[in-house]
């Protein structure tokens, strides 16, 4: 199983991961590239920023369901490319 597959499995299981967690848990060198690959494969990977009590902001990646507007925009883009 590839690193991308393992991250996808974790996201499908409901985990929310930071880039740092992806690096440490899955030995990924470039977490942003893994997220990009998953998005190009059609998975709706969302980024949520959270600020803790110390004022530090961290980005968490999660798997979600795209809105109808996003799906419609994708179909419009495909239609224009053809």
C-alpha atoms as a PDB file:
ATOM      1  CA  UNK A   1       0.000   0.000   0.000  1.00  0.00           C
ATOM      2  CA  UNK A   2       1.414   3.386  -0.996  1.00  0.00           C
ATOM      3  CA  UNK A   3       1.742   6.350   1.353  1.00  0.00           C
ATOM      4  CA  UNK A   4      -1.015   8.144  -0.527  1.00  0.00           C
ATOM      5  CA  UNK A   5      -3.312   5.143  -0.080  1.00  0.00           C
ATOM      6  CA  UNK A   6      -2.555   4.999   3.637  1.00  0.00           C
ATOM      7  CA  UNK A   7      -3.333   8.708   4.050  1.00  0.00           C
ATOM      8  CA  UNK A   8      -6.560   8.281   2.065  1.00  0.00           C
ATOM      9  CA  UNK A   9      -7.535   5.367   4.291  1.00  0.00           C
ATOM     10  CA  UNK A  10      -6.930   7.484   7.401  1.00  0.00           C
ATOM     11  CA  UNK A  11      -8.990  10.364   5.979  1.00  0.00           C
ATOM     12  CA  UNK A  12     -11.792   7.975   4.990  1.00  0.00           C
ATOM     13  CA  UNK A  13     -11.751   6.682   8.554  1.00  0.00           C
ATOM     14  CA  UNK A  14     -12.582  10.172   9.801  1.00  0.00           C
ATOM     15  CA  UNK A  15      -9.117  11.362  10.799  1.00  0.00           C
ATOM     16  CA  UNK A  16      -8.199  15.008  10.387  1.00  0.00           C
ATOM     17  CA  UNK A  17      -4.484  15.355   9.714  1.00  0.00           C
ATOM     18  CA  UNK A  18      -2.027  18.235   9.710  1.00  0.00           C
ATOM     19  CA  UNK A  19       0.927  18.305   7.332  1.00  0.00           C
ATOM     20  CA  UNK A  20       3.198  17.582  10.294  1.00  0.00           C
ATOM     21  CA  UNK A  21       1.153  14.506  11.222  1.00  0.00           C
ATOM     22  CA  UNK A  22       1.333  13.243   7.635  1.00  0.00           C
ATOM     23  CA  UNK A  23       5.103  13.610   7.696  1.00  0.00           C
ATOM     24  CA  UNK A  24       5.549  11.806  10.996  1.00  0.00           C
ATOM     25  CA  UNK A  25       2.880   9.072  10.742  1.00  0.00           C
ATOM     26  CA  UNK A  26       3.255   8.224   7.056  1.00  0.00           C
ATOM     27  CA  UNK A  27       6.832   9.405   6.267  1.00  0.00           C
ATOM     28  CA  UNK A  28       5.578  11.743   3.561  1.00  0.00           C
ATOM     29  CA  UNK A  29       8.103  14.273   2.312  1.00  0.00           C
ATOM     30  CA  UNK A  30       5.606  16.680   0.729  1.00  0.00           C
ATOM     31  CA  UNK A  31       2.105  16.491   2.252  1.00  0.00           C
ATOM     32  CA  UNK A  32       0.766  19.230  -0.044  1.00  0.00           C
ATOM     33  CA  UNK A  33       1.629  17.080  -3.073  1.00  0.00           C
ATOM     34  CA  UNK A  34      -0.193  14.085  -1.584  1.00  0.00           C
ATOM     35  CA  UNK A  35      -3.293  16.231  -1.000  1.00  0.00           C
ATOM     36  CA  UNK A  36      -3.031  17.563  -4.572  1.00  0.00           C
ATOM     37  CA  UNK A  37      -2.853  14.006  -5.942  1.00  0.00           C
ATOM     38  CA  UNK A  38      -5.905  12.969  -3.927  1.00  0.00           C
ATOM     39  CA  UNK A  39      -7.847  15.976  -5.187  1.00  0.00           C
ATOM     40  CA  UNK A  40      -6.903  15.178  -8.797  1.00  0.00           C
ATOM     41  CA  UNK A  41      -8.157  11.624  -8.214  1.00  0.00           C
ATOM     42  CA  UNK A  42     -11.547  13.131  -7.378  1.00  0.00           C
ATOM     43  CA  UNK A  43     -11.522  13.093  -3.588  1.00  0.00           C
ATOM     44  CA  UNK A  44     -12.889  16.175  -1.829  1.00  0.00           C
ATOM     45  CA  UNK A  45     -10.060  16.983   0.584  1.00  0.00           C
ATOM     46  CA  UNK A  46     -10.831  20.127   2.553  1.00  0.00           C
ATOM     47  CA  UNK A  47      -8.472  22.299   4.568  1.00  0.00           C
ATOM     48  CA  UNK A  48      -9.742  23.749   7.855  1.00  0.00           C
ATOM     49  CA  UNK A  49      -7.720  26.280   9.836  1.00  0.00           C
ATOM     50  CA  UNK A  50      -7.988  26.201  13.623  1.00  0.00           C
ATOM     51  CA  UNK A  51      -6.513  28.627  16.116  1.00  0.00           C
ATOM     52  CA  UNK A  52      -5.661  27.372  19.594  1.00  0.00           C
ATOM     53  CA  UNK A  53      -5.719  29.339  22.866  1.00  0.00           C
ATOM     54  CA  UNK A  54      -2.118  30.497  22.276  1.00  0.00           C
ATOM     55  CA  UNK A  55      -3.076  32.113  18.974  1.00  0.00           C
ATOM     56  CA  UNK A  56      -1.305  29.486  16.843  1.00  0.00           C
ATOM     57  CA  UNK A  57      -3.138  28.515  13.654  1.00  0.00           C
ATOM     58  CA  UNK A  58      -2.873  25.005  12.223  1.00  0.00           C
ATOM     59  CA  UNK A  59      -4.366  23.625   9.017  1.00  0.00           C
ATOM     60  CA  UNK A  60      -6.159  20.295   9.203  1.00  0.00           C
ATOM     61  CA  UNK A  61      -7.014  18.195   6.151  1.00  0.00           C
ATOM     62  CA  UNK A  62     -10.233  16.178   6.109  1.00  0.00           C
ATOM     63  CA  UNK A  63     -12.278  14.250   3.590  1.00  0.00           C
ATOM     64  CA  UNK A  64     -15.709  15.684   2.858  1.00  0.00           C
ATOM     65  CA  UNK A  65     -18.564  15.768   0.399  1.00  0.00           C
ATOM     66  CA  UNK A  66     -18.420  18.435  -2.315  1.00  0.00           C
ATOM     67  CA  UNK A  67     -21.306  20.836  -2.694  1.00  0.00           C
ATOM     68  CA  UNK A  68     -23.470  20.829  -5.812  1.00  0.00           C
ATOM     69  CA  UNK A  69     -21.850  24.108  -6.873  1.00  0.00           C
ATOM     70  CA  UNK A  70     -18.378  22.518  -6.848  1.00  0.00           C
ATOM     71  CA  UNK A  71     -19.542  19.526  -8.867  1.00  0.00           C
ATOM     72  CA  UNK A  72     -21.288  21.821 -11.351  1.00  0.00           C
ATOM     73  CA  UNK A  73     -18.144  23.943 -11.716  1.00  0.00           C
ATOM     74  CA  UNK A  74     -16.123  20.812 -12.462  1.00  0.00           C
ATOM     75  CA  UNK A  75     -18.519  19.755 -15.198  1.00  0.00           C
ATOM     76  CA  UNK A  76     -18.455  23.258 -16.689  1.00  0.00           C
ATOM     77  CA  UNK A  77     -14.654  23.202 -16.742  1.00  0.00           C
ATOM     78  CA  UNK A  78     -14.661  19.801 -18.465  1.00  0.00           C
ATOM     79  CA  UNK A  79     -17.182  21.020 -21.047  1.00  0.00           C
ATOM     80  CA  UNK A  80     -15.043  24.079 -21.876  1.00  0.00           C
ATOM     81  CA  UNK A  81     -11.915  21.958 -22.270  1.00  0.00           C
ATOM     82  CA  UNK A  82     -13.596  19.682 -24.829  1.00  0.00           C
END
